[in-house]
């Protein structure tokens, strides 16, 4: 299963707690305009993931 619906730094941990996907699509939830990612939002998302899953 791949999670693909508007994941953002604010909701990704909530979604990953309830399901254990094989992958995630980090597309639209990280864009500031269509097709362009916001690097600060990407960094925040990965910081949130690291705080939860880093050993």
PDB file of N, CA and C in Angstrom:
ATOM      1  N   UNK A   1       0.844  -1.175   0.000  1.00  0.00           N
ATOM      2  CA  UNK A   1       0.000   0.000   0.000  1.00  0.00           C
ATOM      3  C   UNK A   1       0.890   1.239   0.000  1.00  0.00           C
ATOM      4  N   UNK A   2       0.478   2.209  -0.741  1.00  0.00           N
ATOM      5  CA  UNK A   2       1.163   3.498  -0.789  1.00  0.00           C
ATOM      6  C   UNK A   2       0.168   4.577  -0.374  1.00  0.00           C
ATOM      7  N   UNK A   3       0.562   5.403   0.599  1.00  0.00           N
ATOM      8  CA  UNK A   3      -0.274   6.536   1.002  1.00  0.00           C
ATOM      9  C   UNK A   3       0.005   7.666   0.025  1.00  0.00           C
ATOM     10  N   UNK A   4      -1.071   8.248  -0.539  1.00  0.00           N
ATOM     11  CA  UNK A   4      -0.861   9.262  -1.554  1.00  0.00           C
ATOM     12  C   UNK A   4      -1.786  10.459  -1.450  1.00  0.00           C
ATOM     13  N   UNK A   5      -2.289  10.780  -0.331  1.00  0.00           N
ATOM     14  CA  UNK A   5      -3.249  11.890  -0.286  1.00  0.00           C
ATOM     15  C   UNK A   5      -2.719  13.046   0.554  1.00  0.00           C
ATOM     16  N   UNK A   6      -2.252  14.094  -0.037  1.00  0.00           N
ATOM     17  CA  UNK A   6      -1.919  15.358   0.621  1.00  0.00           C
ATOM     18  C   UNK A   6      -1.168  15.268   1.928  1.00  0.00           C
ATOM     19  N   UNK A   7      -0.146  14.454   1.999  1.00  0.00           N
ATOM     20  CA  UNK A   7       0.627  14.373   3.232  1.00  0.00           C
ATOM     21  C   UNK A   7       1.400  15.666   3.450  1.00  0.00           C
ATOM     22  N   UNK A   8       1.385  16.124   4.689  1.00  0.00           N
ATOM     23  CA  UNK A   8       2.089  17.344   5.067  1.00  0.00           C
ATOM     24  C   UNK A   8       2.887  17.059   6.331  1.00  0.00           C
ATOM     25  N   UNK A   9       3.772  17.974   6.726  1.00  0.00           N
ATOM     26  CA  UNK A   9       4.492  17.780   7.979  1.00  0.00           C
ATOM     27  C   UNK A   9       3.553  17.663   9.179  1.00  0.00           C
ATOM     28  N   UNK A  10       2.388  18.277   9.079  1.00  0.00           N
ATOM     29  CA  UNK A  10       1.455  18.285  10.202  1.00  0.00           C
ATOM     30  C   UNK A  10       0.619  17.021  10.327  1.00  0.00           C
ATOM     31  N   UNK A  11       0.475  16.249   9.248  1.00  0.00           N
ATOM     32  CA  UNK A  11      -0.394  15.076   9.344  1.00  0.00           C
ATOM     33  C   UNK A  11       0.295  13.749   9.058  1.00  0.00           C
ATOM     34  N   UNK A  12       1.549  13.757   8.637  1.00  0.00           N
ATOM     35  CA  UNK A  12       2.174  12.504   8.223  1.00  0.00           C
ATOM     36  C   UNK A  12       2.302  11.512   9.372  1.00  0.00           C
ATOM     37  N   UNK A  13       2.645  11.975  10.565  1.00  0.00           N
ATOM     38  CA  UNK A  13       2.796  11.036  11.677  1.00  0.00           C
ATOM     39  C   UNK A  13       1.462  10.426  12.069  1.00  0.00           C
ATOM     40  N   UNK A  14       0.396  11.201  12.033  1.00  0.00           N
ATOM     41  CA  UNK A  14      -0.934  10.661  12.333  1.00  0.00           C
ATOM     42  C   UNK A  14      -1.293   9.549  11.363  1.00  0.00           C
ATOM     43  N   UNK A  15      -0.997   9.755  10.096  1.00  0.00           N
ATOM     44  CA  UNK A  15      -1.326   8.751   9.085  1.00  0.00           C
ATOM     45  C   UNK A  15      -0.458   7.510   9.219  1.00  0.00           C
ATOM     46  N   UNK A  16       0.818   7.676   9.523  1.00  0.00           N
ATOM     47  CA  UNK A  16       1.713   6.523   9.618  1.00  0.00           C
ATOM     48  C   UNK A  16       1.481   5.701  10.880  1.00  0.00           C
ATOM     49  N   UNK A  17       0.902   6.286  11.902  1.00  0.00           N
ATOM     50  CA  UNK A  17       0.589   5.543  13.124  1.00  0.00           C
ATOM     51  C   UNK A  17      -0.523   4.531  12.870  1.00  0.00           C
ATOM     52  N   UNK A  18      -1.452   4.858  11.983  1.00  0.00           N
ATOM     53  CA  UNK A  18      -2.625   4.018  11.754  1.00  0.00           C
ATOM     54  C   UNK A  18      -2.429   2.956  10.684  1.00  0.00           C
ATOM     55  N   UNK A  19      -1.505   3.176   9.779  1.00  0.00           N
ATOM     56  CA  UNK A  19      -1.231   2.202   8.721  1.00  0.00           C
ATOM     57  C   UNK A  19       0.277   2.058   8.582  1.00  0.00           C
ATOM     58  N   UNK A  20       0.695   0.960   8.020  1.00  0.00           N
ATOM     59  CA  UNK A  20       2.118   0.712   7.788  1.00  0.00           C
ATOM     60  C   UNK A  20       2.325   0.546   6.283  1.00  0.00           C
ATOM     61  N   UNK A  21       2.435   1.665   5.572  1.00  0.00           N
ATOM     62  CA  UNK A  21       2.497   1.600   4.112  1.00  0.00           C
ATOM     63  C   UNK A  21       3.858   1.107   3.619  1.00  0.00           C
ATOM     64  N   UNK A  22       3.872   0.631   2.398  1.00  0.00           N
ATOM     65  CA  UNK A  22       5.125   0.287   1.730  1.00  0.00           C
ATOM     66  C   UNK A  22       5.818   1.533   1.204  1.00  0.00           C
ATOM     67  N   UNK A  23       5.073   2.614   1.082  1.00  0.00           N
ATOM     68  CA  UNK A  23       5.638   3.864   0.594  1.00  0.00           C
ATOM     69  C   UNK A  23       4.673   5.009   0.776  1.00  0.00           C
ATOM     70  N   UNK A  24       5.179   6.200   0.571  1.00  0.00           N
ATOM     71  CA  UNK A  24       4.348   7.401   0.641  1.00  0.00           C
ATOM     72  C   UNK A  24       4.642   8.273  -0.574  1.00  0.00           C
ATOM     73  N   UNK A  25       3.632   8.955  -1.059  1.00  0.00           N
ATOM     74  CA  UNK A  25       3.763   9.897  -2.164  1.00  0.00           C
ATOM     75  C   UNK A  25       3.734  11.292  -1.552  1.00  0.00           C
ATOM     76  N   UNK A  26       4.872  11.953  -1.566  1.00  0.00           N
ATOM     77  CA  UNK A  26       4.993  13.270  -0.939  1.00  0.00           C
ATOM     78  C   UNK A  26       4.869  14.370  -1.977  1.00  0.00           C
ATOM     79  N   UNK A  27       3.795  14.366  -2.678  1.00  0.00           N
ATOM     80  CA  UNK A  27       3.657  15.277  -3.810  1.00  0.00           C
ATOM     81  C   UNK A  27       2.979  16.583  -3.420  1.00  0.00           C
ATOM     82  N   UNK A  28       1.687  16.648  -3.541  1.00  0.00           N
ATOM     83  CA  UNK A  28       0.962  17.917  -3.443  1.00  0.00           C
ATOM     84  C   UNK A  28       1.032  18.565  -2.070  1.00  0.00           C
ATOM     85  N   UNK A  29       1.172  17.797  -1.014  1.00  0.00           N
ATOM     86  CA  UNK A  29       1.204  18.371   0.328  1.00  0.00           C
ATOM     87  C   UNK A  29       2.454  19.177   0.623  1.00  0.00           C
ATOM     88  N   UNK A  30       3.448  19.107  -0.265  1.00  0.00           N
ATOM     89  CA  UNK A  30       4.707  19.819  -0.055  1.00  0.00           C
ATOM     90  C   UNK A  30       4.932  20.935  -1.066  1.00  0.00           C
ATOM     91  N   UNK A  31       3.945  21.191  -1.906  1.00  0.00           N
ATOM     92  CA  UNK A  31       4.104  22.186  -2.965  1.00  0.00           C
ATOM     93  C   UNK A  31       3.586  23.554  -2.543  1.00  0.00           C
ATOM     94  N   UNK A  32       4.338  24.603  -2.902  1.00  0.00           N
ATOM     95  CA  UNK A  32       3.833  25.954  -2.672  1.00  0.00           C
ATOM     96  C   UNK A  32       3.122  26.474  -3.911  1.00  0.00           C
ATOM     97  N   UNK A  33       3.473  25.962  -5.074  1.00  0.00           N
ATOM     98  CA  UNK A  33       2.707  26.122  -6.310  1.00  0.00           C
ATOM     99  C   UNK A  33       2.812  24.796  -7.041  1.00  0.00           C
ATOM    100  N   UNK A  34       1.876  24.517  -7.895  1.00  0.00           N
ATOM    101  CA  UNK A  34       1.824  23.240  -8.593  1.00  0.00           C
ATOM    102  C   UNK A  34       3.175  22.891  -9.215  1.00  0.00           C
ATOM    103  N   UNK A  35       3.731  21.764  -8.799  1.00  0.00           N
ATOM    104  CA  UNK A  35       4.982  21.275  -9.361  1.00  0.00           C
ATOM    105  C   UNK A  35       6.242  21.763  -8.682  1.00  0.00           C
ATOM    106  N   UNK A  36       6.129  22.683  -7.730  1.00  0.00           N
ATOM    107  CA  UNK A  36       7.300  23.226  -7.037  1.00  0.00           C
ATOM    108  C   UNK A  36       7.213  22.959  -5.546  1.00  0.00           C
ATOM    109  N   UNK A  37       8.176  22.212  -5.029  1.00  0.00           N
ATOM    110  CA  UNK A  37       8.200  21.879  -3.608  1.00  0.00           C
ATOM    111  C   UNK A  37       8.754  23.052  -2.799  1.00  0.00           C
ATOM    112  N   UNK A  38       8.246  23.208  -1.599  1.00  0.00           N
ATOM    113  CA  UNK A  38       8.741  24.197  -0.646  1.00  0.00           C
ATOM    114  C   UNK A  38       9.795  23.502   0.207  1.00  0.00           C
ATOM    115  N   UNK A  39      11.057  23.882   0.063  1.00  0.00           N
ATOM    116  CA  UNK A  39      12.150  23.183   0.732  1.00  0.00           C
ATOM    117  C   UNK A  39      12.015  23.233   2.254  1.00  0.00           C
ATOM    118  N   UNK A  40      11.481  24.305   2.804  1.00  0.00           N
ATOM    119  CA  UNK A  40      11.289  24.381   4.256  1.00  0.00           C
ATOM    120  C   UNK A  40      10.230  23.389   4.719  1.00  0.00           C
ATOM    121  N   UNK A  41       9.187  23.214   3.934  1.00  0.00           N
ATOM    122  CA  UNK A  41       8.143  22.243   4.260  1.00  0.00           C
ATOM    123  C   UNK A  41       8.688  20.825   4.162  1.00  0.00           C
ATOM    124  N   UNK A  42       9.500  20.560   3.152  1.00  0.00           N
ATOM    125  CA  UNK A  42      10.127  19.242   3.008  1.00  0.00           C
ATOM    126  C   UNK A  42      11.026  18.965   4.209  1.00  0.00           C
ATOM    127  N   UNK A  43      11.829  19.941   4.601  1.00  0.00           N
ATOM    128  CA  UNK A  43      12.728  19.773   5.746  1.00  0.00           C
ATOM    129  C   UNK A  43      11.939  19.513   7.027  1.00  0.00           C
ATOM    130  N   UNK A  44      10.838  20.225   7.222  1.00  0.00           N
ATOM    131  CA  UNK A  44      10.006  20.024   8.414  1.00  0.00           C
ATOM    132  C   UNK A  44       9.405  18.624   8.424  1.00  0.00           C
ATOM    133  N   UNK A  45       8.951  18.151   7.274  1.00  0.00           N
ATOM    134  CA  UNK A  45       8.369  16.819   7.185  1.00  0.00           C
ATOM    135  C   UNK A  45       9.396  15.762   7.588  1.00  0.00           C
ATOM    136  N   UNK A  46      10.613  15.860   7.050  1.00  0.00           N
ATOM    137  CA  UNK A  46      11.627  14.864   7.380  1.00  0.00           C
ATOM    138  C   UNK A  46      12.115  14.992   8.818  1.00  0.00           C
ATOM    139  N   UNK A  47      12.128  16.189   9.382  1.00  0.00           N
ATOM    140  CA  UNK A  47      12.465  16.352  10.799  1.00  0.00           C
ATOM    141  C   UNK A  47      11.418  15.661  11.669  1.00  0.00           C
ATOM    142  N   UNK A  48      10.149  15.790  11.312  1.00  0.00           N
ATOM    143  CA  UNK A  48       9.085  15.110  12.054  1.00  0.00           C
ATOM    144  C   UNK A  48       9.235  13.598  11.968  1.00  0.00           C
ATOM    145  N   UNK A  49       9.538  13.091  10.774  1.00  0.00           N
ATOM    146  CA  UNK A  49       9.743  11.647  10.615  1.00  0.00           C
ATOM    147  C   UNK A  49      10.942  11.176  11.427  1.00  0.00           C
ATOM    148  N   UNK A  50      12.023  11.924  11.370  1.00  0.00           N
ATOM    149  CA  UNK A  50      13.233  11.542  12.100  1.00  0.00           C
ATOM    150  C   UNK A  50      12.981  11.517  13.602  1.00  0.00           C
ATOM    151  N   UNK A  51      12.220  12.473  14.112  1.00  0.00           N
ATOM    152  CA  UNK A  51      11.949  12.514  15.550  1.00  0.00           C
ATOM    153  C   UNK A  51      11.150  11.302  16.009  1.00  0.00           C
ATOM    154  N   UNK A  52      10.346  10.743  15.124  1.00  0.00           N
ATOM    155  CA  UNK A  52       9.513   9.590  15.475  1.00  0.00           C
ATOM    156  C   UNK A  52      10.219   8.264  15.222  1.00  0.00           C
ATOM    157  N   UNK A  53      10.982   8.161  14.139  1.00  0.00           N
ATOM    158  CA  UNK A  53      11.484   6.864  13.704  1.00  0.00           C
ATOM    159  C   UNK A  53      12.989   6.677  13.815  1.00  0.00           C
ATOM    160  N   UNK A  54      13.750   7.725  14.084  1.00  0.00           N
ATOM    161  CA  UNK A  54      15.206   7.561  14.201  1.00  0.00           C
ATOM    162  C   UNK A  54      15.534   6.788  15.474  1.00  0.00           C
ATOM    163  N   UNK A  55      16.527   5.940  15.359  1.00  0.00           N
ATOM    164  CA  UNK A  55      16.901   5.156  16.552  1.00  0.00           C
ATOM    165  C   UNK A  55      18.086   5.760  17.257  1.00  0.00           C
TER     166      UNK A  55
END
